[in-house]
Every structure is written in C-alpha cells, then in structure tokens.
Protein backbone atom coordinates (compact mmCIF):
# COMPACT_ATOMS: atom_id res chain seq x y z
CA MET A 1 -4.59 -20.59 52.67
CA TYR A 2 -8.10 -19.96 51.35
CA ASP A 3 -11.29 -21.57 52.69
CA ALA A 4 -14.25 -21.43 50.31
CA SER A 5 -16.61 -23.04 52.83
CA GLU A 6 -17.33 -19.37 53.60
CA ILE A 7 -19.46 -19.34 50.43
CA GLY A 8 -20.58 -22.97 50.55
CA LEU A 9 -17.89 -24.69 48.47
CA ASP A 10 -15.97 -27.65 49.87
CA TRP A 11 -12.50 -26.37 48.94
CA GLN A 12 -9.53 -25.26 51.00
CA GLY A 13 -6.22 -24.55 49.38
CA SER A 14 -3.74 -22.11 47.92
CA LEU A 15 -3.62 -20.15 44.68
CA GLN A 16 -1.59 -22.97 43.17
CA THR A 17 -4.34 -25.53 43.92
CA LEU A 18 -7.22 -23.52 42.41
CA SER A 19 -7.35 -26.02 39.54
CA GLU A 20 -9.02 -28.41 42.01
CA VAL A 21 -12.07 -26.15 42.39
CA PRO A 22 -14.24 -27.60 39.55
CA SER A 23 -14.10 -31.06 41.13
CA LYS A 24 -15.35 -29.91 44.53
CA SER A 25 -18.90 -30.09 45.89
CA CYS A 26 -20.87 -26.92 46.51
CA SER A 27 -24.14 -26.06 48.22
CA TYR A 28 -27.56 -26.50 46.63
CA LEU A 29 -30.96 -24.80 46.84
CA SER A 30 -33.45 -27.33 48.21
CA ILE A 31 -37.17 -27.50 47.46
CA ASP A 32 -37.93 -25.95 50.86
CA GLY A 33 -36.14 -22.75 49.84
CA LYS A 34 -32.95 -23.29 51.84
CA ILE A 35 -29.39 -23.21 50.62
CA LYS A 36 -27.72 -26.29 52.09
CA THR A 37 -24.13 -27.49 52.05
CA HIS A 38 -23.29 -30.67 50.15
CA THR A 39 -23.67 -32.51 53.49
CA GLY A 40 -27.21 -31.15 53.97
CA LYS A 41 -26.52 -28.50 56.60
CA ALA A 42 -28.65 -25.37 56.13
CA ARG A 43 -26.72 -22.16 55.38
CA CYS A 44 -29.62 -19.75 54.87
CA ARG A 45 -33.06 -19.34 53.37
CA LEU A 46 -33.29 -17.83 49.88
CA THR A 47 -36.38 -16.51 48.11
CA ILE A 48 -35.69 -15.66 44.47
CA GLU A 49 -37.86 -12.79 43.24
CA ASP A 50 -38.01 -10.67 40.08
CA THR A 51 -35.63 -11.06 37.16
CA LEU A 52 -33.57 -7.91 36.85
CA VAL A 53 -31.58 -8.75 33.71
CA ASP A 54 -31.48 -11.75 31.38
CA GLY A 55 -28.68 -10.98 28.95
CA THR A 56 -25.46 -12.11 27.31
CA PHE A 57 -23.61 -12.37 30.64
CA GLY A 58 -26.31 -14.48 32.31
CA LYS A 59 -29.39 -14.02 34.44
CA LEU A 60 -29.64 -11.67 37.41
CA ASN A 61 -32.47 -11.80 39.95
CA TRP A 62 -33.41 -9.95 43.10
CA ALA A 63 -33.71 -12.23 46.12
CA LYS A 64 -34.23 -12.22 49.88
CA ARG A 65 -31.60 -14.00 51.96
CA SER A 66 -32.08 -14.75 55.67
CA VAL A 67 -29.83 -16.60 58.09
CA GLY A 68 -32.13 -16.34 61.11
CA THR A 69 -35.77 -15.28 60.89
CA GLU A 70 -37.41 -13.75 57.83
CA ASP A 71 -37.40 -10.44 59.69
CA ASP A 72 -33.60 -10.51 59.44
CA SER A 73 -33.60 -10.96 55.67
CA GLN A 74 -31.35 -8.93 53.40
CA ASP A 75 -31.63 -8.01 49.75
CA VAL A 76 -29.15 -9.82 47.50
CA LEU A 77 -28.59 -10.30 43.81
CA VAL A 78 -28.55 -13.84 42.44
CA LYS A 79 -26.59 -14.53 39.27
CA LYS A 80 -26.71 -17.52 36.94
CA PRO A 81 -23.63 -17.17 34.69
CA VAL A 82 -24.30 -17.76 31.02
CA GLU A 83 -21.13 -19.87 30.69
CA GLN A 84 -22.14 -22.73 32.97
CA ILE A 85 -19.00 -24.73 32.13
CA GLN A 86 -17.11 -22.27 34.31
CA GLY A 87 -19.92 -20.77 36.39
CA MET A 88 -18.36 -22.01 39.61
CA GLN A 89 -15.04 -20.42 38.66
CA GLU A 90 -16.63 -17.00 38.12
CA ALA A 91 -18.04 -16.98 41.65
CA ILE A 92 -14.71 -18.08 43.15
CA ILE A 93 -12.78 -15.38 41.28
CA GLN A 94 -15.17 -12.65 42.42
CA TRP A 95 -15.01 -13.97 46.00
CA MET A 96 -11.21 -13.90 45.92
CA CYS A 97 -11.13 -10.40 44.43
CA TYR A 98 -13.39 -9.08 47.17
CA ASN A 99 -11.25 -10.66 49.90
CA SER A 100 -8.04 -9.40 48.32
CA LEU A 101 -9.34 -5.81 48.15
CA LYS A 102 -10.74 -6.13 51.67
CA LYS A 103 -7.21 -6.67 53.02
CA TYR A 104 -6.38 -3.19 51.72
CA LYS A 105 -9.67 -1.66 52.94
CA LEU A 106 -10.94 -1.33 49.36
CA SER A 107 -13.75 -3.92 49.43
CA GLN A 108 -16.26 -1.26 48.31
CA HIS A 109 -14.85 -1.69 44.80
CA CYS A 110 -16.16 -5.28 44.39
CA PRO A 111 -19.52 -6.86 45.38
CA LYS A 112 -19.23 -9.45 48.13
CA VAL A 113 -20.19 -13.07 47.29
CA TYR A 114 -22.35 -14.82 49.92
CA ASP A 115 -23.25 -18.25 48.51
CA LEU A 116 -22.32 -20.51 45.60
CA PHE A 117 -24.96 -23.16 44.92
CA THR A 118 -26.67 -25.31 42.32
CA TYR A 119 -30.30 -24.81 41.37
CA LYS A 120 -32.12 -26.66 38.58
CA ASN A 121 -28.81 -28.19 37.46
CA ASN A 122 -27.17 -24.78 37.07
CA TYR A 123 -24.60 -22.85 39.08
CA TRP A 124 -25.85 -19.69 40.78
CA PHE A 125 -24.32 -17.36 43.34
CA THR A 126 -25.64 -14.65 45.62
CA MET A 127 -23.88 -11.34 46.04
CA GLU A 128 -24.15 -7.93 47.59
CA PRO A 129 -26.29 -5.49 45.56
CA VAL A 130 -24.81 -2.15 44.48
CA TYR A 131 -27.33 0.66 44.87
CA SER A 132 -27.43 4.04 43.09
CA ALA A 133 -24.73 2.95 40.68
CA PRO A 134 -25.19 3.46 36.92
CA ILE A 135 -22.69 1.97 34.50
CA PHE A 136 -19.68 4.13 33.65
CA GLU A 137 -21.11 5.34 30.31
CA VAL A 138 -24.39 6.49 31.86
CA TYR A 139 -22.50 8.26 34.65
CA LEU A 140 -20.44 10.17 32.08
CA GLN A 141 -23.56 11.28 30.24
CA SER A 142 -24.84 12.82 33.48
CA LEU A 143 -21.85 15.16 33.80
CA PRO A 144 -22.92 18.83 33.44
CA TYR A 145 -20.52 19.64 30.57
CA TRP A 146 -20.65 16.32 28.74
CA LYS A 147 -20.21 16.54 24.95
CA GLN A 148 -18.43 19.85 25.46
CA SER A 149 -14.65 20.15 25.52
CA HIS A 150 -14.35 20.92 29.21
CA PRO A 151 -11.54 20.09 31.70
CA SER A 152 -13.97 18.76 34.32
CA ASN A 153 -14.88 15.84 32.01
CA GLY A 154 -11.30 14.63 31.71
CA ILE A 155 -10.73 15.01 35.44
CA ALA A 156 -13.89 12.98 36.19
CA ILE A 157 -12.73 10.16 33.89
CA LEU A 158 -9.21 10.21 35.32
CA LYS A 159 -10.49 9.87 38.88
CA ILE A 160 -12.50 6.77 37.97
CA LEU A 161 -9.64 5.24 35.98
CA ALA A 162 -7.23 5.90 38.85
CA GLN A 163 -9.48 3.95 41.21
CA ILE A 164 -9.64 1.09 38.70
CA ALA A 165 -5.86 1.13 38.31
CA MET A 166 -5.43 1.09 42.09
CA CYS A 167 -7.64 -2.02 42.36
CA CYS A 168 -5.98 -3.73 39.39
CA SER A 169 -2.55 -3.12 40.87
CA ILE A 170 -3.53 -4.88 44.09
CA LEU A 171 -5.34 -7.75 42.40
CA GLU A 172 -2.60 -8.39 39.86
CA SER A 173 0.15 -8.54 42.48
CA ASP A 174 -1.90 -10.33 45.16
CA ILE A 175 -3.73 -13.03 43.18
CA GLY A 176 -2.52 -12.71 39.57
CA PHE A 177 -5.83 -11.25 38.40
CA ASN A 178 -6.94 -9.95 35.00
CA HIS A 179 -10.58 -9.02 34.39
CA ARG A 180 -10.17 -9.52 30.60
CA ASP A 181 -13.45 -7.73 29.85
CA LEU A 182 -13.04 -4.36 31.54
CA LYS A 183 -15.29 -2.35 29.27
CA PRO A 184 -17.32 0.66 30.55
CA ASP A 185 -20.51 -1.32 31.18
CA ASN A 186 -18.62 -3.60 33.58
CA ILE A 187 -17.81 -0.67 35.84
CA LEU A 188 -20.52 0.75 38.10
CA ILE A 189 -20.25 4.24 39.56
CA LYS A 190 -21.71 4.87 43.02
CA HIS A 191 -22.35 8.53 42.33
CA THR A 192 -23.71 9.20 45.82
CA ASP A 193 -20.61 7.70 47.49
CA ILE A 194 -18.08 10.49 46.96
CA LYS A 195 -14.86 10.23 48.94
CA SER A 196 -11.07 10.04 48.73
CA HIS A 197 -9.62 6.65 47.82
CA SER A 198 -6.21 5.61 49.09
CA VAL A 199 -4.04 2.57 49.68
CA ILE A 200 -0.57 1.78 50.98
CA LEU A 201 1.42 -0.57 48.74
CA GLY A 202 4.83 -1.31 50.17
CA ASP A 203 6.44 2.05 50.79
CA LEU A 204 3.99 3.91 48.54
CA GLN A 205 0.86 5.73 49.65
CA ILE A 206 -1.40 6.20 46.61
CA SER A 207 -4.38 8.55 46.89
CA VAL A 208 -7.12 9.52 44.45
CA SER A 209 -8.87 12.82 45.16
CA PRO A 210 -12.57 12.78 46.20
CA SER A 211 -14.73 11.15 43.54
CA PRO A 212 -17.69 8.77 43.11
CA THR A 213 -16.76 5.16 43.91
CA ALA A 214 -16.02 2.78 41.02
CA VAL A 215 -17.12 -0.86 41.37
CA LEU A 216 -15.83 -3.77 39.27
CA VAL A 217 -18.54 -6.21 38.16
CA ASP A 218 -19.06 -9.20 35.84
CA PHE A 219 -16.11 -11.54 36.29
CA GLY A 220 -17.34 -13.89 33.56
CA PHE A 221 -14.08 -13.67 31.57
CA ALA A 222 -11.62 -13.19 34.44
CA CYS A 223 -8.57 -15.28 35.26
CA LEU A 224 -6.02 -15.71 38.00
CA GLY A 225 -2.44 -16.53 36.97
CA PRO A 226 0.46 -16.45 36.53
CA GLY A 227 2.19 -18.10 33.60
CA THR A 228 1.09 -19.49 30.27
CA ARG A 229 -1.84 -21.32 31.85
CA PRO A 230 -4.06 -19.59 34.47
CA TRP A 231 -4.63 -21.24 37.83
CA ILE A 232 -8.35 -20.67 37.31
CA GLU A 233 -10.42 -18.84 34.70
CA SER A 234 -13.96 -18.15 33.61
CA GLY A 235 -15.17 -17.50 30.09
CA GLY A 236 -16.16 -20.91 28.81
CA GLN A 237 -14.76 -21.74 25.39
CA ILE A 238 -14.48 -18.12 24.26
CA LEU A 239 -10.94 -17.40 25.48
CA SER A 240 -7.96 -19.70 25.09
CA PRO A 241 -7.07 -21.81 28.14
CA LEU A 242 -3.45 -20.89 27.34
CA ASP A 243 -4.07 -17.14 27.64
CA SER A 244 -1.47 -16.13 30.22
CA CYS A 245 -2.70 -14.21 33.25
CA PRO A 246 -2.05 -11.49 34.16
CA LYS A 247 -0.73 -9.70 31.07
CA VAL A 248 0.99 -6.37 31.61
CA GLY A 249 -1.40 -3.48 31.00
CA ARG A 250 -4.21 -5.61 29.58
CA ASP A 251 -7.14 -4.42 31.72
CA LEU A 252 -6.37 -0.71 31.47
CA PHE A 253 -5.76 -1.10 27.73
CA ILE A 254 -9.28 -2.49 27.30
CA ILE A 255 -11.03 0.34 29.13
CA PHE A 256 -8.90 3.03 27.42
CA VAL A 257 -9.71 1.74 23.92
CA PHE A 258 -13.43 1.40 24.65
CA LEU A 259 -13.52 4.97 25.96
CA LEU A 260 -11.43 6.63 23.25
CA TRP A 261 -13.30 4.87 20.45
CA ARG A 262 -16.45 6.73 21.52
CA GLU A 263 -17.00 10.00 19.68
CA ASP A 264 -18.83 11.59 22.63
CA VAL A 265 -15.87 10.86 24.92
CA ARG A 266 -13.36 12.44 22.53
CA ALA A 267 -15.64 15.46 22.03
CA SER A 268 -15.87 15.94 25.81
CA LEU A 269 -12.11 16.05 26.42
CA THR A 270 -9.80 19.03 26.19
CA PRO A 271 -6.82 18.65 23.81
CA GLU A 272 -4.55 18.16 26.85
CA HIS A 273 -6.63 15.30 28.27
CA LEU A 274 -7.20 13.66 24.88
CA GLN A 275 -3.47 13.71 24.17
CA PHE A 276 -2.72 12.19 27.59
CA PHE A 277 -5.13 9.30 26.94
CA LYS A 278 -3.74 8.71 23.45
CA GLU A 279 -0.17 8.68 24.74
CA SER A 280 -1.14 6.26 27.51
CA LEU A 281 -2.24 3.71 24.92
CA HIS A 282 1.07 3.77 23.02
CA LEU A 283 -0.68 2.71 19.82
CA THR A 284 1.13 2.93 16.51
CA LYS A 285 -0.31 5.42 14.00
CA ASP A 286 -1.59 2.49 11.95
CA ARG A 287 -3.45 0.92 14.89
CA TRP A 288 -4.82 4.28 16.03
CA SER A 289 -6.16 4.98 12.51
CA LYS A 290 -7.68 1.52 12.36
CA MET A 291 -9.40 2.01 15.71
CA MET A 292 -10.77 5.42 14.72
CA SER A 293 -12.07 4.11 11.38
CA MET A 294 -14.23 1.43 13.00
CA THR A 295 -17.93 2.13 12.71
CA ARG A 296 -18.93 -0.75 14.96
CA ASN A 297 -18.06 -1.63 18.54
CA PRO A 298 -14.30 -2.47 18.59
CA LYS A 299 -14.80 -5.45 20.91
CA GLU A 300 -13.59 -8.12 18.49
CA TRP A 301 -10.55 -6.05 17.52
CA ILE A 302 -9.66 -5.52 21.19
CA TYR A 303 -10.03 -9.21 22.06
CA MET A 304 -7.87 -10.17 19.09
CA LEU A 305 -5.10 -7.87 20.37
CA ILE A 306 -5.22 -8.77 24.07
CA THR A 307 -5.31 -12.54 23.56
CA ASP A 308 -2.23 -12.48 21.34
CA LYS A 309 0.50 -14.22 23.31
CA GLU A 310 2.88 -11.34 22.54
CA PHE A 311 0.55 -8.64 23.90
CA HIS A 312 1.89 -6.38 26.61
CA CYS A 313 1.50 -2.66 27.30
CA PRO A 314 4.04 -1.56 29.94
CA ALA A 315 2.80 2.06 29.91
CA LEU A 316 -0.58 0.79 31.16
CA ASP A 317 0.82 -1.35 33.94
CA SER A 318 -1.37 -0.18 36.80
CA GLN A 319 1.36 1.28 39.01
CA VAL A 320 3.27 2.75 36.06
CA TRP A 321 0.16 4.52 34.78
CA LEU A 322 -0.75 5.80 38.25
CA SER A 323 2.73 7.26 38.52
CA THR A 324 2.41 8.87 35.08
CA CYS A 325 -1.00 10.26 35.99
CA SER A 326 0.26 11.67 39.29
CA THR A 327 3.00 13.55 37.44
CA ALA A 328 0.67 14.96 34.79
CA PHE A 329 -2.35 15.57 37.03
CA PRO A 330 -1.30 15.81 40.70
CA GLU A 331 -4.75 17.17 41.53
CA VAL A 332 -6.15 13.72 40.64
CA VAL A 333 -3.56 11.25 41.96
CA SER A 334 -0.83 11.69 44.54
CA ILE A 335 1.89 9.15 45.31
CA LYS A 336 4.01 9.56 48.41
CA VAL A 337 6.99 7.51 49.45
CA GLN A 338 6.93 6.60 53.12
CA LEU A 339 10.41 6.65 54.64
CA SER A 340 10.05 5.51 58.28
CA SER A 341 8.17 8.40 59.89
CA LYS A 342 8.62 10.73 56.93
CA ILE A 343 6.41 10.95 53.85
CA VAL A 344 8.00 12.32 50.67
CA VAL A 345 5.99 13.35 47.61
CA LYS A 346 7.10 11.29 44.61
CA SER A 347 7.88 13.44 41.58
C-alpha cells in the first residue's frame, strides 16, 4: 500500500489503483508562501528563487524550503513539468522510483520528491538537488583519454551503464517502470561520489566496482505497467496511452543507441569495447547502417522503434545484460549466487 500524503497528495492505494491519481486533490502554494494540503493544513514554507533552466522538459527553479523556522531551511529544486496534462503523474512516478530504490539502499540514484502542489494553476513539485553532477555526456568529455581509443574510456562507460541497469532491474520488477527517455542528458554523474555499488536481488548479489554515482532524472516520459495499458504514465500526448510498460530492454536500448551514434564515443572506445556495445544492441546490419548514416540526432528514429508494439530486446534486459557484462568484464561487474551461508561466483 502506498500513501502519497507524504508528498501532499490525497491518495492511498496500490499499483493497480494508480489510475485514480489524476482525480485526487493535492497541496497548493498559498499567497503567504506556504505549501498547504487541500484541507488547508500547512506543510512547509517555500520561497521560489532563481530560474535554473526553462527548457523543453519544463521549468526548474532554486527554492528554499523550511518546515520549522527559516533558519532550518533547505535548498530544493522546484520543477514545473512542461506537459501539464500529466504533471502530477511525473511527480508520483519519481516519488515511487525513489521509494523503490530506497528499499534496496540505492536511493542515491534518484532525487527525492518532497512536495507536489499547484501554483498559478500549474502543477509543480519540489525535489532534492543533486550537487556536483554534470550530465553523462559532459562527464565523458572530462575523462583524461577522451577521444582517444583507450580502455579506461570503455570501462568508465560500462561502470555507469551497470549502475543504470541495476536500478532499471529493480524498478522494472518492483513497480513495472520504464523511463522511456533514458538519453545521456537524463543521467547525472556525481563525479565526487565515487564508491562501489551493490544490491541483493533474490539469491544474487550484484556489485559494480568503484565509480562515480549515476542519478536518473527527468521522468517526464516515464510509465509504470504492466500490460498493454500502463497503470500511470507521463508524457502528455506525445506517447501512445497503449504503449505497454515495461518493455524488455527498452531503457538500455535507448541509452546504448544514443551513445553509439556519437562519433566521439566510438572514437574513444577500443575495438573490444566497441564490439561489445554493438553486440549488446543486437541490431541488424541494415538498422546499424541506418543509425550510422544519420547526420542528425537519432531521437525520432529511436522513439519510432521503441514505441512499436512488437519492440523487445532480450539481450538488453537489465539482469541479462548485467550477467553478460560480468562475464566479459568481471573487473566492472560481479554477480555472486548466495547459497545459504556460501557465496558462489556466477560464471
């Protein structure tokens, strides 16, 4: 049972009742600068400050949030989703992703949502800021041997992708999640937060060797499934409401194509790493040639593929790919089978 009163929405229910969310009342920002529940009870004080970004995904502002005195205020980000038809849904999906990852002690991979509220007839939500975290592409460009065919580049990319796959595996199985827009600029890299990343899934212990922490952001196209019709989705009128969720391998497919389409990424990989990435995609020669011949961003081509009702990519199922990666690059990912008190390395 989920209780969204935690973020100021009057909804309690299960995954199967998420379709009720749009009809529920949420908090609002009053003229005295307080976020209040739909019944008028104050949740916190919010002071919206500078605009950080005003782009295609929506508007993002810095803000101060205080529950007690102003001296106890904390920095937060405030987002107004561009697709207001499903702005409430975006906040709920991000909130559920954070809580799902938190159960596995992986909450650092998703910003926490604090409040969902209306302001000037629009949906907004506050969330935890992510400091010292450039987008994936900018992080790659900071690598010492970038644009040179060097093994450290491929290893760095694999470590980030393994973290993403670990999170996707949990979210897909736990809440039927697909991000549906997992391109490099929707992944932040906390380059000062370098550590090992591990999780226990059933009888498997999956570990990624020490690396900067990857954070999933922008859930404006995400959905929770399963079946031919998602329980809940964001994305306005752009994606079909009949786009089943999750689809096998969809999220990893998106990030792999966006990365391999980039000439600087291919130039930075050794032949061994480039071949591994190409084989992971399982593209036909015709589709690979078409992707490589594109002179513009392949976004439309990718979306056309992944929204096809027949799309599936079993090789990029999160757990399957992690297993493949652990076999090819055990220095990046290790998977151990826990048998009672014994731990056996999976080959």
